[in-house]
PDB file of N, CA and C in Angstrom:
ATOM      1  N   UNK A   1     124.042  95.413 120.231  1.00  0.00           N
ATOM      2  CA  UNK A   1     122.914  96.082 119.554  1.00  0.00           C
ATOM      3  C   UNK A   1     122.882  95.672 118.078  1.00  0.00           C
ATOM      4  N   UNK A   2     121.861  94.936 117.700  1.00  0.00           N
ATOM      5  CA  UNK A   2     121.749  94.477 116.304  1.00  0.00           C
ATOM      6  C   UNK A   2     120.910  95.479 115.508  1.00  0.00           C
ATOM      7  N   UNK A   3     121.476  95.934 114.386  1.00  0.00           N
ATOM      8  CA  UNK A   3     120.740  96.899 113.556  1.00  0.00           C
ATOM      9  C   UNK A   3     119.926  96.182 112.489  1.00  0.00           C
ATOM     10  N   UNK A   4     118.685  96.566 112.358  1.00  0.00           N
ATOM     11  CA  UNK A   4     117.842  95.958 111.312  1.00  0.00           C
ATOM     12  C   UNK A   4     118.196  96.559 109.954  1.00  0.00           C
ATOM     13  N   UNK A   5     118.011  95.790 108.892  1.00  0.00           N
ATOM     14  CA  UNK A   5     118.341  96.284 107.535  1.00  0.00           C
ATOM     15  C   UNK A   5     117.626  97.605 107.250  1.00  0.00           C
ATOM     16  N   UNK A   6     116.382  97.710 107.704  1.00  0.00           N
ATOM     17  CA  UNK A   6     115.608  98.942 107.452  1.00  0.00           C
ATOM     18  C   UNK A   6     116.280 100.124 108.141  1.00  0.00           C
ATOM     19  N   UNK A   7     116.691  99.926 109.387  1.00  0.00           N
ATOM     20  CA  UNK A   7     117.351 101.012 110.132  1.00  0.00           C
ATOM     21  C   UNK A   7     118.644 101.418 109.434  1.00  0.00           C
ATOM     22  N   UNK A   8     119.413 100.442 109.004  1.00  0.00           N
ATOM     23  CA  UNK A   8     120.681 100.735 108.322  1.00  0.00           C
ATOM     24  C   UNK A   8     120.404 101.528 107.044  1.00  0.00           C
ATOM     25  N   UNK A   9     119.369 101.104 106.313  1.00  0.00           N
ATOM     26  CA  UNK A   9     119.022 101.793 105.064  1.00  0.00           C
ATOM     27  C   UNK A   9     118.613 103.232 105.366  1.00  0.00           C
ATOM     28  N   UNK A  10     117.821 103.400 106.433  1.00  0.00           N
ATOM     29  CA  UNK A  10     117.353 104.741 106.817  1.00  0.00           C
ATOM     30  C   UNK A  10     118.538 105.647 107.149  1.00  0.00           C
ATOM     31  N   UNK A  11     119.455 105.136 107.962  1.00  0.00           N
ATOM     32  CA  UNK A  11     120.627 105.940 108.349  1.00  0.00           C
ATOM     33  C   UNK A  11     121.463 106.280 107.111  1.00  0.00           C
ATOM     34  N   UNK A  12     121.574 105.330 106.190  1.00  0.00           N
ATOM     35  CA  UNK A  12     122.356 105.573 104.969  1.00  0.00           C
ATOM     36  C   UNK A  12     121.703 106.696 104.163  1.00  0.00           C
ATOM     37  N   UNK A  13     120.374 106.654 104.066  1.00  0.00           N
ATOM     38  CA  UNK A  13     119.659 107.689 103.307  1.00  0.00           C
ATOM     39  C   UNK A  13     119.885 109.058 103.944  1.00  0.00           C
ATOM     40  N   UNK A  14     119.871 109.095 105.272  1.00  0.00           N
ATOM     41  CA  UNK A  14     120.088 110.368 105.980  1.00  0.00           C
ATOM     42  C   UNK A  14     121.485 110.895 105.669  1.00  0.00           C
ATOM     43  N   UNK A  15     122.469 110.010 105.682  1.00  0.00           N
ATOM     44  CA  UNK A  15     123.852 110.434 105.398  1.00  0.00           C
ATOM     45  C   UNK A  15     123.948 110.986 103.979  1.00  0.00           C
ATOM     46  N   UNK A  16     123.293 110.303 103.041  1.00  0.00           N
ATOM     47  CA  UNK A  16     123.324 110.762 101.640  1.00  0.00           C
ATOM     48  C   UNK A  16     122.684 112.143 101.537  1.00  0.00           C
ATOM     49  N   UNK A  17     121.573 112.314 102.251  1.00  0.00           N
ATOM     50  CA  UNK A  17     120.885 113.617 102.208  1.00  0.00           C
ATOM     51  C   UNK A  17     121.798 114.710 102.745  1.00  0.00           C
ATOM     52  N   UNK A  18     122.475 114.417 103.842  1.00  0.00           N
ATOM     53  CA  UNK A  18     123.378 115.409 104.443  1.00  0.00           C
ATOM     54  C   UNK A  18     124.495 115.765 103.463  1.00  0.00           C
ATOM     55  N   UNK A  19     125.086 114.752 102.857  1.00  0.00           N
ATOM     56  CA  UNK A  19     126.186 115.003 101.917  1.00  0.00           C
ATOM     57  C   UNK A  19     125.669 115.811 100.726  1.00  0.00           C
ATOM     58  N   UNK A  20     124.450 115.472 100.268  1.00  0.00           N
ATOM     59  CA  UNK A  20     123.875 116.197  99.127  1.00  0.00           C
ATOM     60  C   UNK A  20     123.672 117.660  99.511  1.00  0.00           C
ATOM     61  N   UNK A  21     123.207 117.891 100.735  1.00  0.00           N
ATOM     62  CA  UNK A  21     122.971 119.264 101.202  1.00  0.00           C
ATOM     63  C   UNK A  21     124.285 120.040 101.183  1.00  0.00           C
ATOM     64  N   UNK A  22     125.348 119.422 101.667  1.00  0.00           N
ATOM     65  CA  UNK A  22     126.657 120.088 101.701  1.00  0.00           C
ATOM     66  C   UNK A  22     127.107 120.411 100.280  1.00  0.00           C
ATOM     67  N   UNK A  23     126.902 119.467  99.368  1.00  0.00           N
ATOM     68  CA  UNK A  23     127.319 119.671  97.976  1.00  0.00           C
ATOM     69  C   UNK A  23     126.549 120.834  97.358  1.00  0.00           C
ATOM     70  N   UNK A  24     125.231 120.867  97.591  1.00  0.00           N
ATOM     71  CA  UNK A  24     124.412 121.936  97.006  1.00  0.00           C
ATOM     72  C   UNK A  24     124.843 123.284  97.576  1.00  0.00           C
ATOM     73  N   UNK A  25     125.166 123.314  98.868  1.00  0.00           N
ATOM     74  CA  UNK A  25     125.597 124.573  99.502  1.00  0.00           C
ATOM     75  C   UNK A  25     126.882 125.074  98.844  1.00  0.00           C
ATOM     76  N   UNK A  26     127.850 124.199  98.683  1.00  0.00           N
ATOM     77  CA  UNK A  26     129.129 124.599  98.088  1.00  0.00           C
ATOM     78  C   UNK A  26     128.908 125.013  96.632  1.00  0.00           C
ATOM     79  N   UNK A  27     127.970 124.348  95.959  1.00  0.00           N
ATOM     80  CA  UNK A  27     127.686 124.657  94.555  1.00  0.00           C
ATOM     81  C   UNK A  27     127.065 126.051  94.445  1.00  0.00           C
ATOM     82  N   UNK A  28     126.139 126.362  95.367  1.00  0.00           N
ATOM     83  CA  UNK A  28     125.467 127.670  95.325  1.00  0.00           C
ATOM     84  C   UNK A  28     126.457 128.787  95.657  1.00  0.00           C
ATOM     85  N   UNK A  29     127.369 128.522  96.567  1.00  0.00           N
ATOM     86  CA  UNK A  29     128.319 129.561  96.995  1.00  0.00           C
ATOM     87  C   UNK A  29     129.278 129.904  95.853  1.00  0.00           C
ATOM     88  N   UNK A  30     129.499 128.983  94.946  1.00  0.00           N
ATOM     89  CA  UNK A  30     130.443 129.214  93.841  1.00  0.00           C
ATOM     90  C   UNK A  30     129.966 130.363  92.949  1.00  0.00           C
TER      91      UNK A  30
END
């Protein structure tokens, strides 16, 4: 299965969004 650059970029953006969400949650709980 060959991944296109666009797909890889999209998945990377999703991962960043998820990590950002986790960070904001921990920040708000503080």
